[in-house]
N, C-alpha and C. Protein backbone atom coordinates (compact mmCIF):
# COMPACT_ATOMS: atom_id res chain seq x y z
N UNK A 1 -6.12 10.95 10.32
CA UNK A 1 -5.01 11.15 9.14
C UNK A 1 -4.82 11.60 8.53
N UNK A 2 -3.10 10.52 7.87
CA UNK A 2 -1.96 11.26 6.83
C UNK A 2 -2.45 11.15 5.48
N UNK A 3 -3.27 12.30 5.01
CA UNK A 3 -3.28 11.42 3.41
C UNK A 3 -2.27 12.36 2.11
N UNK A 4 -1.69 11.61 1.39
CA UNK A 4 -0.95 11.75 0.27
C UNK A 4 -1.66 11.89 -1.33
N UNK A 5 -1.79 12.58 -1.80
CA UNK A 5 -2.91 12.76 -3.00
C UNK A 5 -1.97 13.02 -3.76
N UNK A 6 -2.20 11.95 -5.57
CA UNK A 6 -1.72 11.63 -6.80
C UNK A 6 -2.46 12.13 -7.67
N UNK A 7 -2.11 13.59 -8.36
CA UNK A 7 -3.05 14.17 -9.88
C UNK A 7 -2.04 14.64 -10.62
N UNK A 8 -3.00 14.72 -11.58
CA UNK A 8 -2.39 14.41 -12.94
C UNK A 8 -2.61 15.65 -14.13
N UNK A 9 -3.86 15.93 -13.40
CA UNK A 9 -4.65 17.12 -14.47
C UNK A 9 -5.17 18.79 -13.94
N UNK A 10 -6.44 18.52 -13.10
CA UNK A 10 -7.06 20.25 -13.10
C UNK A 10 -6.99 20.07 -11.37
N UNK A 11 -7.16 19.60 -10.72
CA UNK A 11 -7.24 18.86 -9.07
C UNK A 11 -8.24 19.34 -8.82
N UNK A 12 -9.81 19.36 -9.04
CA UNK A 12 -10.93 19.28 -8.85
C UNK A 12 -11.66 17.85 -7.43
N UNK A 13 -11.19 16.96 -7.88
CA UNK A 13 -11.16 16.46 -6.29
C UNK A 13 -10.55 16.48 -5.66
N UNK A 14 -8.90 17.06 -5.62
CA UNK A 14 -7.64 17.39 -4.54
C UNK A 14 -8.76 18.00 -3.82
N UNK A 15 -9.34 19.34 -4.96
CA UNK A 15 -10.02 20.47 -4.47
C UNK A 15 -10.82 20.07 -3.01
N UNK A 16 -11.66 19.11 -3.87
CA UNK A 16 -13.15 18.79 -2.74
C UNK A 16 -12.30 18.18 -1.13
N UNK A 17 -11.54 17.73 -1.29
CA UNK A 17 -10.42 17.13 0.44
C UNK A 17 -9.48 17.98 1.31
N UNK A 18 -9.25 19.68 0.18
CA UNK A 18 -8.49 20.34 0.24
C UNK A 18 -9.75 20.46 1.39
N UNK A 19 -10.80 21.14 0.54
CA UNK A 19 -12.07 22.05 1.30
C UNK A 19 -12.61 21.09 2.31
N UNK A 20 -13.24 20.25 2.78
CA UNK A 20 -13.26 19.88 3.25
C UNK A 20 -12.04 19.60 4.62
N UNK A 21 -11.19 19.21 4.48
CA UNK A 21 -10.53 19.18 5.46
C UNK A 21 -10.21 20.78 6.17
N UNK A 22 -10.13 21.96 5.67
CA UNK A 22 -10.23 22.74 5.90
C UNK A 22 -11.80 23.55 6.78
N UNK A 23 -12.68 22.87 6.49
CA UNK A 23 -13.93 23.14 6.87
C UNK A 23 -14.36 22.90 8.58
N UNK A 24 -13.60 21.91 8.33
CA UNK A 24 -13.43 20.92 9.67
C UNK A 24 -13.82 19.66 9.64
N UNK A 25 -14.54 19.46 8.64
CA UNK A 25 -15.88 18.28 8.25
C UNK A 25 -14.99 16.58 7.19
N UNK A 26 -13.65 17.10 7.56
CA UNK A 26 -12.59 15.83 7.14
C UNK A 26 -11.82 15.17 8.03
N UNK A 27 -11.79 14.92 9.10
CA UNK A 27 -10.43 14.97 9.52
C UNK A 27 -9.31 14.12 9.27
N UNK A 28 -8.29 14.46 8.44
CA UNK A 28 -7.66 13.76 8.08
C UNK A 28 -7.02 15.26 7.21
N UNK A 29 -5.18 15.25 7.83
CA UNK A 29 -4.13 16.03 7.03
C UNK A 29 -3.82 16.01 5.87
N UNK A 30 -3.89 16.56 4.64
CA UNK A 30 -3.44 16.25 3.36
C UNK A 30 -1.80 16.74 3.52
N UNK A 31 -0.95 16.24 3.47
CA UNK A 31 0.46 16.18 3.68
C UNK A 31 1.56 15.76 2.49
N UNK A 32 1.17 16.37 1.71
CA UNK A 32 1.82 16.10 -0.05
C UNK A 32 0.25 16.08 -1.03
N UNK A 33 1.13 16.84 -1.94
CA UNK A 33 0.23 16.34 -3.21
C UNK A 33 1.02 16.08 -3.94
N UNK A 34 1.21 14.61 -4.93
CA UNK A 34 2.22 14.31 -5.95
C UNK A 34 2.06 14.11 -7.28
N UNK A 35 2.57 14.18 -7.87
CA UNK A 35 1.73 14.31 -10.07
C UNK A 35 2.96 13.96 -10.81
N UNK A 36 2.84 13.31 -11.83
CA UNK A 36 4.39 12.77 -12.80
C UNK A 36 3.93 14.02 -14.14
N UNK A 37 3.46 15.23 -13.65
CA UNK A 37 3.45 16.01 -14.39
C UNK A 37 3.67 17.81 -13.73
N UNK A 38 4.16 17.59 -15.20
CA UNK A 38 4.43 19.15 -14.41
C UNK A 38 3.72 20.57 -14.20
N UNK A 39 3.62 21.79 -14.52
CA UNK A 39 2.71 22.76 -14.62
C UNK A 39 1.72 22.25 -15.11
N UNK A 40 1.22 22.27 -14.30
CA UNK A 40 -0.80 21.26 -14.02
C UNK A 40 -1.31 22.00 -12.96
N UNK A 41 -2.79 22.04 -12.63
CA UNK A 41 -3.54 23.24 -11.95
C UNK A 41 -3.88 22.56 -10.52
N UNK A 42 -3.24 21.32 -10.25
CA UNK A 42 -3.57 20.05 -9.71
C UNK A 42 -2.64 21.08 -8.46
N UNK A 43 -1.42 20.88 -8.88
CA UNK A 43 -0.19 21.39 -8.17
C UNK A 43 -0.10 22.64 -8.09
N UNK A 44 -0.54 23.26 -8.20
CA UNK A 44 -1.11 24.79 -8.37
C UNK A 44 -2.07 25.02 -6.94
N UNK A 45 -3.08 24.25 -7.26
CA UNK A 45 -3.97 24.43 -6.02
C UNK A 45 -3.19 23.88 -4.67
N UNK A 46 -3.05 22.52 -4.39
CA UNK A 46 -1.92 22.31 -3.33
C UNK A 46 -0.58 23.96 -2.95
N UNK A 47 -0.13 24.18 -3.70
CA UNK A 47 0.34 24.90 -3.34
C UNK A 47 -0.06 25.77 -2.64
N UNK A 48 -1.18 26.91 -3.49
CA UNK A 48 -2.19 28.03 -2.90
C UNK A 48 -2.72 27.52 -1.62
N UNK A 49 -2.67 26.14 -1.32
CA UNK A 49 -3.23 25.49 0.03
C UNK A 49 -2.19 24.96 0.82
N UNK A 50 -0.61 25.67 0.56
CA UNK A 50 0.57 26.14 1.49
C UNK A 50 1.00 23.60 1.93
N UNK A 51 -0.06 23.33 1.31
CA UNK A 51 0.07 22.06 0.91
C UNK A 51 1.58 21.28 0.18
N UNK A 52 2.40 20.74 0.57
CA UNK A 52 4.06 20.35 -0.56
C UNK A 52 3.73 19.88 -1.52
N UNK A 53 4.42 19.06 -2.88
CA UNK A 53 4.12 19.36 -3.68
C UNK A 53 5.50 18.48 -4.11
N UNK A 54 5.03 17.31 -5.17
CA UNK A 54 6.36 16.50 -6.01
C UNK A 54 5.44 16.28 -7.38
N UNK A 55 6.85 16.16 -8.38
CA UNK A 55 6.78 15.58 -9.09
C UNK A 55 7.93 14.52 -9.41
N UNK A 56 6.93 13.03 -10.20
CA UNK A 56 7.76 11.85 -10.74
C UNK A 56 7.39 11.64 -11.53
N UNK A 57 7.80 12.59 -12.99
CA UNK A 57 7.72 12.03 -14.08
C UNK A 57 7.84 10.71 -15.15
N UNK A 58 7.32 9.83 -16.08
CA UNK A 58 8.00 8.96 -16.25
C UNK A 58 9.01 9.60 -17.89
N UNK A 59 9.95 9.51 -18.02
CA UNK A 59 11.01 9.33 -18.88
C UNK A 59 10.24 9.84 -20.26
N UNK A 60 11.04 10.56 -20.48
CA UNK A 60 9.45 10.18 -22.19
C UNK A 60 11.37 10.07 -23.46
N UNK A 61 10.53 9.14 -23.71
CA UNK A 61 11.99 9.32 -25.62
C UNK A 61 11.67 10.49 -26.29
N UNK A 62 13.15 10.37 -26.92
CA UNK A 62 13.82 11.31 -27.82
C UNK A 62 11.56 11.47 -28.68
N UNK A 63 11.22 12.62 -28.71
CA UNK A 63 10.22 12.76 -30.09
C UNK A 63 8.70 12.59 -29.28
N UNK A 64 9.37 13.16 -28.03
CA UNK A 64 8.72 13.51 -26.65
C UNK A 64 6.81 11.97 -26.46
N UNK A 65 7.01 10.80 -26.77
CA UNK A 65 6.71 10.17 -26.80
C UNK A 65 7.15 8.85 -25.11
N UNK A 66 6.07 8.70 -24.37
CA UNK A 66 6.17 8.29 -23.32
C UNK A 66 7.05 6.92 -23.27
N UNK A 67 8.06 6.88 -22.53
CA UNK A 67 8.74 5.41 -22.68
C UNK A 67 8.11 4.56 -21.87
N UNK A 68 7.76 3.21 -22.56
CA UNK A 68 6.65 2.44 -22.23
C UNK A 68 7.53 0.89 -22.38
N UNK A 69 8.65 0.81 -21.78
CA UNK A 69 9.27 -1.06 -21.59
C UNK A 69 8.71 -0.33 -20.12
N UNK A 70 9.20 -1.84 -19.33
CA UNK A 70 8.97 -2.68 -18.37
C UNK A 70 9.26 -1.92 -17.30
N UNK A 71 10.60 -2.05 -17.98
CA UNK A 71 11.71 -1.63 -17.08
C UNK A 71 11.56 -0.64 -16.54
N UNK A 72 11.23 0.54 -17.79
CA UNK A 72 10.95 1.75 -17.52
C UNK A 72 9.33 2.45 -16.37
N UNK A 73 9.05 1.49 -16.93
CA UNK A 73 7.85 1.39 -15.61
C UNK A 73 8.54 1.53 -14.24
N UNK A 74 8.79 0.52 -14.11
CA UNK A 74 9.29 -0.29 -13.11
C UNK A 74 9.93 0.55 -12.29
N UNK A 75 10.80 1.34 -13.08
CA UNK A 75 12.27 2.35 -12.02
C UNK A 75 11.84 2.97 -11.91
N UNK A 76 10.37 4.47 -12.63
CA UNK A 76 9.23 4.91 -12.46
C UNK A 76 8.70 4.50 -11.55
N UNK A 77 8.15 3.53 -11.07
CA UNK A 77 7.24 3.30 -9.68
C UNK A 77 7.96 3.29 -8.47
N UNK A 78 9.24 2.63 -8.30
CA UNK A 78 10.24 3.17 -7.42
C UNK A 78 10.36 3.56 -6.77
N UNK A 79 10.03 4.84 -7.95
CA UNK A 79 10.45 6.49 -7.61
C UNK A 79 9.26 6.76 -7.20
N UNK A 80 8.31 6.35 -7.67
CA UNK A 80 6.92 7.72 -7.31
C UNK A 80 6.96 7.06 -5.82
N UNK A 81 7.12 5.59 -5.36
CA UNK A 81 6.72 5.03 -4.05
C UNK A 81 7.30 5.58 -2.92
N UNK A 82 8.92 6.08 -3.21
CA UNK A 82 10.18 6.27 -2.86
C UNK A 82 9.15 7.74 -2.03
N UNK A 83 8.83 8.66 -3.56
CA UNK A 83 8.72 10.05 -3.09
C UNK A 83 7.42 9.97 -2.09
N UNK A 84 6.62 9.03 -2.58
CA UNK A 84 5.42 9.02 -1.14
C UNK A 84 5.45 8.41 -0.09
N UNK A 85 6.22 7.87 -0.09
CA UNK A 85 6.33 6.86 1.77
C UNK A 85 7.88 8.57 2.35
N UNK A 86 8.54 9.11 2.10
CA UNK A 86 8.79 10.47 2.55
C UNK A 86 7.89 11.18 3.63
N UNK A 87 6.89 10.80 2.89
CA UNK A 87 5.70 12.02 3.40
C UNK A 87 4.42 10.97 4.37
N UNK A 88 5.09 9.80 4.78
CA UNK A 88 4.39 8.39 5.53
C UNK A 88 3.16 8.48 5.53
N UNK A 89 2.23 8.89 4.48
CA UNK A 89 0.93 7.92 4.49
C UNK A 89 0.18 7.10 5.06
N UNK A 90 -0.89 7.95 5.71
CA UNK A 90 -1.64 6.30 5.91
C UNK A 90 -3.17 5.91 4.75
N UNK A 91 -3.02 7.67 4.18
CA UNK A 91 -3.89 6.96 3.36
C UNK A 91 -3.70 7.31 2.11
N UNK A 92 -3.14 6.63 0.22
CA UNK A 92 -2.54 7.68 -0.49
C UNK A 92 -4.57 7.20 -1.68
N UNK A 93 -4.94 9.16 -1.94
CA UNK A 93 -6.25 8.86 -3.07
C UNK A 93 -5.75 9.42 -4.27
N UNK A 94 -5.89 8.26 -5.01
CA UNK A 94 -4.92 9.15 -6.49
C UNK A 94 -6.80 9.91 -7.15
N UNK A 95 -6.73 11.13 -7.56
CA UNK A 95 -7.47 12.10 -7.76
C UNK A 95 -6.87 13.04 -8.78
N UNK A 96 -7.82 11.44 -9.96
CA UNK A 96 -7.17 12.30 -10.87
C UNK A 96 -6.14 11.68 -11.59
N UNK A 97 -5.36 10.58 -11.05
CA UNK A 97 -4.41 10.29 -11.14
C UNK A 97 -4.61 9.65 -12.62
N UNK A 98 -3.60 9.37 -13.46
CA UNK A 98 -3.39 9.58 -14.42
C UNK A 98 -2.54 8.40 -15.50
N UNK A 99 -1.70 7.30 -14.25
CA UNK A 99 -0.87 6.10 -14.65
C UNK A 99 -1.51 4.92 -13.26
N UNK A 100 -1.61 3.86 -13.85
CA UNK A 100 -1.29 2.63 -13.58
C UNK A 100 -0.44 2.28 -12.63
N UNK A 101 -0.90 2.05 -11.62
CA UNK A 101 0.28 2.06 -9.93
C UNK A 101 1.13 0.29 -9.96
N UNK A 102 1.79 0.74 -9.68
CA UNK A 102 3.07 -0.78 -10.20
C UNK A 102 2.88 -0.97 -8.76
N UNK A 103 4.06 -2.36 -9.58
CA UNK A 103 3.89 -3.58 -7.85
C UNK A 103 4.70 -2.36 -6.96
N UNK A 104 6.05 -2.63 -6.88
CA UNK A 104 6.59 -1.49 -5.79
C UNK A 104 5.55 -0.44 -5.30
N UNK A 105 4.80 0.22 -5.45
CA UNK A 105 3.95 0.98 -5.07
C UNK A 105 2.50 -0.08 -4.19
N UNK A 106 2.20 -0.79 -4.50
CA UNK A 106 0.79 -1.87 -4.35
C UNK A 106 1.91 -2.37 -2.98
N UNK A 107 2.92 -2.86 -2.68
CA UNK A 107 3.55 -3.42 -2.59
C UNK A 107 3.84 -2.15 -0.77
N UNK A 108 4.10 -1.72 -1.01
CA UNK A 108 3.95 -0.18 0.15
C UNK A 108 3.18 0.01 0.29
N UNK A 109 2.15 -0.01 -0.10
CA UNK A 109 0.40 1.17 0.03
C UNK A 109 -0.74 0.17 -0.20
N UNK A 110 -0.28 -1.36 -1.26
CA UNK A 110 -1.52 -1.74 -1.18
C UNK A 110 -2.50 -2.06 -0.04
N UNK A 111 -4.42 -1.60 -0.12
CA UNK A 111 -4.97 -1.83 1.12
C UNK A 111 -4.96 -0.99 1.65
N UNK A 112 -4.24 0.33 0.82
CA UNK A 112 -4.05 1.48 1.59
C UNK A 112 -4.33 2.68 0.69
N UNK A 113 -4.88 2.60 -1.23
CA UNK A 113 -4.64 3.57 -2.07
C UNK A 113 -6.52 3.21 -2.17
N UNK A 114 -6.97 4.29 -2.49
CA UNK A 114 -7.89 4.52 -3.69
C UNK A 114 -7.57 5.68 -4.45
N UNK A 115 -8.61 5.03 -5.21
CA UNK A 115 -9.24 6.07 -6.52
C UNK A 115 -9.86 6.03 -7.10
N UNK A 116 -11.64 7.06 -7.43
CA UNK A 116 -12.22 7.38 -7.99
C UNK A 116 -11.99 6.94 -9.38
N UNK A 117 -13.77 6.73 -10.14
CA UNK A 117 -13.74 6.54 -11.60
C UNK A 117 -15.12 7.21 -11.83
N UNK A 118 -15.34 7.79 -13.20
CA UNK A 118 -16.28 8.37 -13.88
C UNK A 118 -16.66 7.54 -13.81
N UNK A 119 -17.51 6.07 -13.76
CA UNK A 119 -18.18 5.45 -14.01
C UNK A 119 -19.10 4.09 -12.98
N UNK A 120 -19.93 4.09 -13.20
CA UNK A 120 -20.26 2.27 -12.14
C UNK A 120 -19.76 1.21 -12.47
N UNK A 121 -18.56 1.40 -11.80
CA UNK A 121 -17.71 -0.27 -12.17
C UNK A 121 -18.20 -1.16 -11.45
N UNK A 122 -18.49 -2.90 -12.13
CA UNK A 122 -17.16 -3.11 -13.02
C UNK A 122 -17.62 -2.30 -14.85
N UNK A 123 -18.07 -1.68 -14.89
CA UNK A 123 -18.86 -1.37 -16.09
C UNK A 123 -17.82 0.33 -16.36
N UNK A 124 -17.47 -0.15 -17.89
CA UNK A 124 -16.55 0.99 -17.85
C UNK A 124 -15.37 1.31 -17.96
N UNK A 125 -14.79 0.94 -17.11
CA UNK A 125 -13.30 0.53 -16.44
C UNK A 125 -11.81 1.75 -17.59
N UNK A 126 -11.25 2.12 -17.47
CA UNK A 126 -10.29 3.06 -18.67
C UNK A 126 -9.73 4.34 -18.08
N UNK A 127 -10.17 4.42 -19.56
CA UNK A 127 -9.70 5.70 -19.16
C UNK A 127 -11.08 6.83 -20.08
N UNK A 128 -11.72 6.15 -20.36
CA UNK A 128 -13.03 6.84 -20.77
C UNK A 128 -14.82 6.39 -20.10
N UNK A 129 -14.57 6.50 -19.21
CA UNK A 129 -16.24 5.90 -18.39
C UNK A 129 -17.21 6.90 -19.40
N UNK A 130 -17.34 7.76 -19.21
CA UNK A 130 -18.31 8.90 -19.39
C UNK A 130 -18.59 8.20 -21.54
N UNK A 131 -18.05 8.26 -21.56
CA UNK A 131 -17.95 8.21 -23.02
C UNK A 131 -18.54 6.63 -23.49
N UNK A 132 -17.54 5.74 -23.04
CA UNK A 132 -18.28 4.78 -23.32
C UNK A 132 -19.06 4.50 -22.95
N UNK A 133 -19.48 4.98 -21.39
CA UNK A 133 -21.43 4.70 -21.40
C UNK A 133 -22.37 5.28 -22.95
N UNK A 134 -21.42 6.56 -22.48
CA UNK A 134 -23.40 7.09 -24.23
C UNK A 134 -22.86 6.25 -24.81
N UNK A 135 -21.68 5.22 -25.40
CA UNK A 135 -21.82 5.53 -26.56
C UNK A 135 -22.62 3.38 -26.53
N UNK A 136 -22.24 3.00 -25.41
CA UNK A 136 -23.15 2.11 -25.08
C UNK A 136 -24.60 2.22 -24.79
N UNK A 137 -25.62 3.31 -24.84
CA UNK A 137 -26.47 3.43 -24.75
C UNK A 137 -27.23 2.85 -24.07
N UNK A 138 -26.32 3.20 -22.06
CA UNK A 138 -26.95 3.40 -21.11
C UNK A 138 -27.88 4.25 -19.96
N UNK A 139 -28.68 4.18 -19.89
CA UNK A 139 -29.68 4.71 -19.18
C UNK A 139 -29.23 5.66 -17.44
N UNK A 140 -28.11 5.07 -16.73
CA UNK A 140 -27.78 5.63 -15.75
C UNK A 140 -26.08 5.01 -15.87
N UNK A 141 -25.49 6.29 -15.39
CA UNK A 141 -23.50 6.42 -15.29
C UNK A 141 -23.60 6.62 -13.93
N UNK A 142 -23.00 6.55 -13.62
CA UNK A 142 -22.18 7.62 -11.92
C UNK A 142 -20.92 7.47 -11.59
N UNK A 143 -20.63 7.32 -10.59
CA UNK A 143 -19.07 7.14 -10.11
C UNK A 143 -19.08 6.16 -9.03
N UNK A 144 -17.62 5.75 -9.02
CA UNK A 144 -17.03 4.65 -7.85
C UNK A 144 -16.19 4.70 -7.40
N UNK A 145 -15.69 4.66 -6.24
CA UNK A 145 -14.44 5.32 -4.99
C UNK A 145 -13.79 3.38 -5.39
N UNK A 146 -12.77 3.09 -5.53
CA UNK A 146 -12.45 1.50 -5.23
C UNK A 146 -10.73 1.34 -4.84
N UNK A 147 -10.79 1.30 -4.05
CA UNK A 147 -9.14 0.19 -3.61
C UNK A 147 -8.81 -0.58 -5.22
N UNK A 148 -7.42 0.09 -4.69
CA UNK A 148 -6.51 0.58 -6.20
C UNK A 148 -5.92 -1.24 -6.25
N UNK A 149 -5.85 -1.76 -6.86
CA UNK A 149 -5.39 -3.65 -7.05
C UNK A 149 -4.32 -2.78 -8.35
N UNK A 150 -3.84 -4.62 -9.04
CA UNK A 150 -3.17 -4.80 -10.00
C UNK A 150 -4.09 -4.05 -10.72
N UNK A 151 -5.20 -4.29 -11.07
CA UNK A 151 -5.48 -4.64 -12.24
C UNK A 151 -6.24 -2.80 -12.34
N UNK A 152 -6.66 -3.01 -14.48
CA UNK A 152 -7.17 -1.60 -14.34
C UNK A 152 -8.66 -1.58 -13.89
N UNK A 153 -8.80 -0.24 -12.87
CA UNK A 153 -10.44 -0.38 -12.11
C UNK A 153 -10.85 -1.56 -11.79
N UNK A 154 -9.76 -2.32 -11.31
CA UNK A 154 -10.52 -3.56 -10.99
C UNK A 154 -10.61 -3.91 -9.41
N UNK A 155 -10.40 -2.98 -8.59
CA UNK A 155 -10.28 -3.05 -7.15
C UNK A 155 -11.64 -3.54 -5.45
N UNK A 156 -11.03 -3.66 -5.33
CA UNK A 156 -12.70 -3.32 -3.93
C UNK A 156 -13.56 -2.03 -4.19
N UNK A 157 -14.70 -2.32 -4.25
CA UNK A 157 -16.02 -1.14 -4.37
C UNK A 157 -15.98 -0.03 -2.65
N UNK A 158 -15.48 0.76 -2.33
CA UNK A 158 -16.06 1.51 -1.50
C UNK A 158 -17.17 1.93 -1.03
N UNK A 159 -17.51 2.44 -2.62
CA UNK A 159 -18.58 3.48 -3.32
C UNK A 159 -18.97 4.08 -4.13
N UNK A 160 -20.73 4.04 -4.31
CA UNK A 160 -21.54 4.32 -5.25
C UNK A 160 -22.03 5.58 -6.03
N UNK A 161 -22.39 5.50 -6.10
CA UNK A 161 -23.81 6.61 -6.82
C UNK A 161 -23.57 7.53 -7.57
N UNK A 162 -25.19 6.89 -8.17
CA UNK A 162 -25.40 6.49 -10.06
C UNK A 162 -25.77 8.17 -10.40
N UNK A 163 -26.02 7.97 -11.56
CA UNK A 163 -26.29 9.56 -12.62
C UNK A 163 -26.94 9.38 -13.00
N UNK A 164 -27.96 9.97 -13.30
CA UNK A 164 -28.83 9.27 -15.01
C UNK A 164 -28.30 9.84 -16.20
N UNK A 165 -27.96 9.54 -17.47
CA UNK A 165 -27.50 9.55 -18.72
C UNK A 165 -28.82 10.50 -19.15
N UNK A 166 -29.13 11.22 -19.70
CA UNK A 166 -29.96 12.17 -20.20
C UNK A 166 -30.12 12.16 -21.79
N UNK A 167 -30.76 12.03 -22.86
CA UNK A 167 -31.49 12.49 -23.78
C UNK A 167 -30.14 13.07 -24.95
N UNK A 168 -30.05 14.48 -24.49
CA UNK A 168 -29.58 15.25 -25.00
C UNK A 168 -27.67 15.44 -24.70
N UNK A 169 -27.08 14.35 -23.82
CA UNK A 169 -25.69 14.09 -22.78
C UNK A 169 -25.00 14.78 -23.84
N UNK A 170 -23.21 15.27 -23.96
CA UNK A 170 -22.82 14.88 -24.64
C UNK A 170 -21.40 13.92 -23.56
N UNK A 171 -20.37 13.77 -24.07
CA UNK A 171 -19.10 13.73 -23.35
C UNK A 171 -19.32 14.01 -22.39
N UNK A 172 -19.11 15.44 -22.55
CA UNK A 172 -19.08 17.12 -21.30
C UNK A 172 -19.38 16.80 -20.50
N UNK A 173 -21.16 16.62 -20.66
CA UNK A 173 -22.25 17.18 -19.82
C UNK A 173 -22.34 16.06 -18.93
N UNK A 174 -22.31 14.60 -19.45
CA UNK A 174 -22.67 13.68 -18.49
C UNK A 174 -21.26 13.77 -17.64
N UNK A 175 -19.98 13.83 -17.91
CA UNK A 175 -19.25 13.94 -16.61
C UNK A 175 -18.68 15.40 -16.27
N UNK A 176 -18.79 16.48 -16.75
CA UNK A 176 -18.98 16.99 -15.26
C UNK A 176 -20.52 16.75 -14.17
N UNK A 177 -21.40 16.14 -14.45
CA UNK A 177 -22.38 15.75 -13.56
C UNK A 177 -21.99 14.73 -12.41
N UNK A 178 -21.33 13.70 -13.25
CA UNK A 178 -21.08 12.54 -12.29
C UNK A 178 -19.25 13.15 -11.59
N UNK A 179 -18.78 14.35 -12.19
CA UNK A 179 -18.08 14.69 -11.56
C UNK A 179 -18.53 15.69 -9.80
N UNK A 180 -19.56 15.59 -10.03
CA UNK A 180 -20.10 16.80 -8.99
C UNK A 180 -20.27 15.37 -7.31
N UNK A 181 -21.00 14.88 -8.20
CA UNK A 181 -20.91 12.94 -7.50
C UNK A 181 -19.85 12.17 -6.40
N UNK A 182 -19.12 12.68 -7.74
CA UNK A 182 -17.51 11.92 -7.39
C UNK A 182 -16.54 12.47 -6.51
N UNK A 183 -16.75 13.87 -6.63
CA UNK A 183 -16.77 14.39 -5.68
C UNK A 183 -16.79 14.11 -4.07
N UNK A 184 -17.76 14.33 -4.55
CA UNK A 184 -19.38 13.92 -2.59
C UNK A 184 -18.85 12.74 -2.62
N UNK A 185 -18.67 11.45 -2.64
CA UNK A 185 -18.37 9.99 -2.61
C UNK A 185 -16.75 9.32 -2.15
N UNK A 186 -16.07 10.59 -2.97
CA UNK A 186 -14.73 10.32 -2.41
C UNK A 186 -14.50 10.69 -0.92
N UNK A 187 -15.06 12.39 -0.52
CA UNK A 187 -14.91 13.36 0.46
C UNK A 187 -15.39 11.89 1.64
N UNK A 188 -17.04 11.31 1.51
CA UNK A 188 -17.06 10.34 2.20
C UNK A 188 -16.55 9.05 2.06
N UNK A 189 -16.12 9.01 1.71
CA UNK A 189 -15.16 7.71 1.68
C UNK A 189 -14.27 8.19 2.27
N UNK A 190 -13.46 9.25 2.16
CA UNK A 190 -12.25 9.18 2.87
C UNK A 190 -13.10 9.64 4.62
N UNK A 191 -13.64 9.91 4.91
CA UNK A 191 -13.96 10.73 6.35
C UNK A 191 -14.35 9.43 6.82
N UNK A 192 -14.67 8.10 6.34
CA UNK A 192 -15.28 6.58 6.73
C UNK A 192 -13.85 6.45 6.86
N UNK A 193 -12.91 6.33 6.13
CA UNK A 193 -12.26 5.38 6.22
C UNK A 193 -11.05 5.87 7.75
N UNK A 194 -10.50 7.32 7.68
CA UNK A 194 -10.32 8.74 8.85
C UNK A 194 -11.34 7.54 10.38
N UNK A 195 -12.06 7.91 9.87
CA UNK A 195 -12.88 7.70 11.82
C UNK A 195 -12.97 5.51 11.87
N UNK A 196 -12.43 5.56 11.13
CA UNK A 196 -12.52 3.52 10.99
C UNK A 196 -11.25 3.63 11.53
N UNK A 197 -10.58 4.24 11.14
CA UNK A 197 -8.68 3.88 11.82
C UNK A 197 -8.37 4.69 13.23
N UNK A 198 -9.51 5.89 13.22
CA UNK A 198 -9.20 6.62 14.38
C UNK A 198 -10.11 5.83 15.68
């Protein structure tokens, strides 16, 4: 299975896929890694592994604020779709990719784009799953892998695993424990999808 991974940050989820594939535990080839940002550790991880990379930035306005108009987002989405399509993926994995995918992307890759989230969806969608879980006082949080749709973390759930919330947890300590299971279930889900396809 040909996989394109999209990242926006440190790339630890990406690394889990690279390591599992290199060890023969994952029947996929990561054919490219893309991002919306330059100079991030995720792209460096890909380059060290000999994986081609590409960057499709969302243009910024004067003063550094991201451009937020619908036309700007649509144009960015179309450029991202073209960049991903060049690598002919069977599956697209959003691994800490912090941008919503738009209509053009979902027209091309809907039904074969997955994402992971550091909470037990449908609870605590959005950018701050661990923080929101702590603020709500829940005793259990966790990680979810889901199929991407047009909503914010609303797609079909493919896998979940729980993580207990401890009395002394901070956002950082909870998030670090969630990341461990997030990496595990991402690899397991990609493996299951690859074996189902073959």
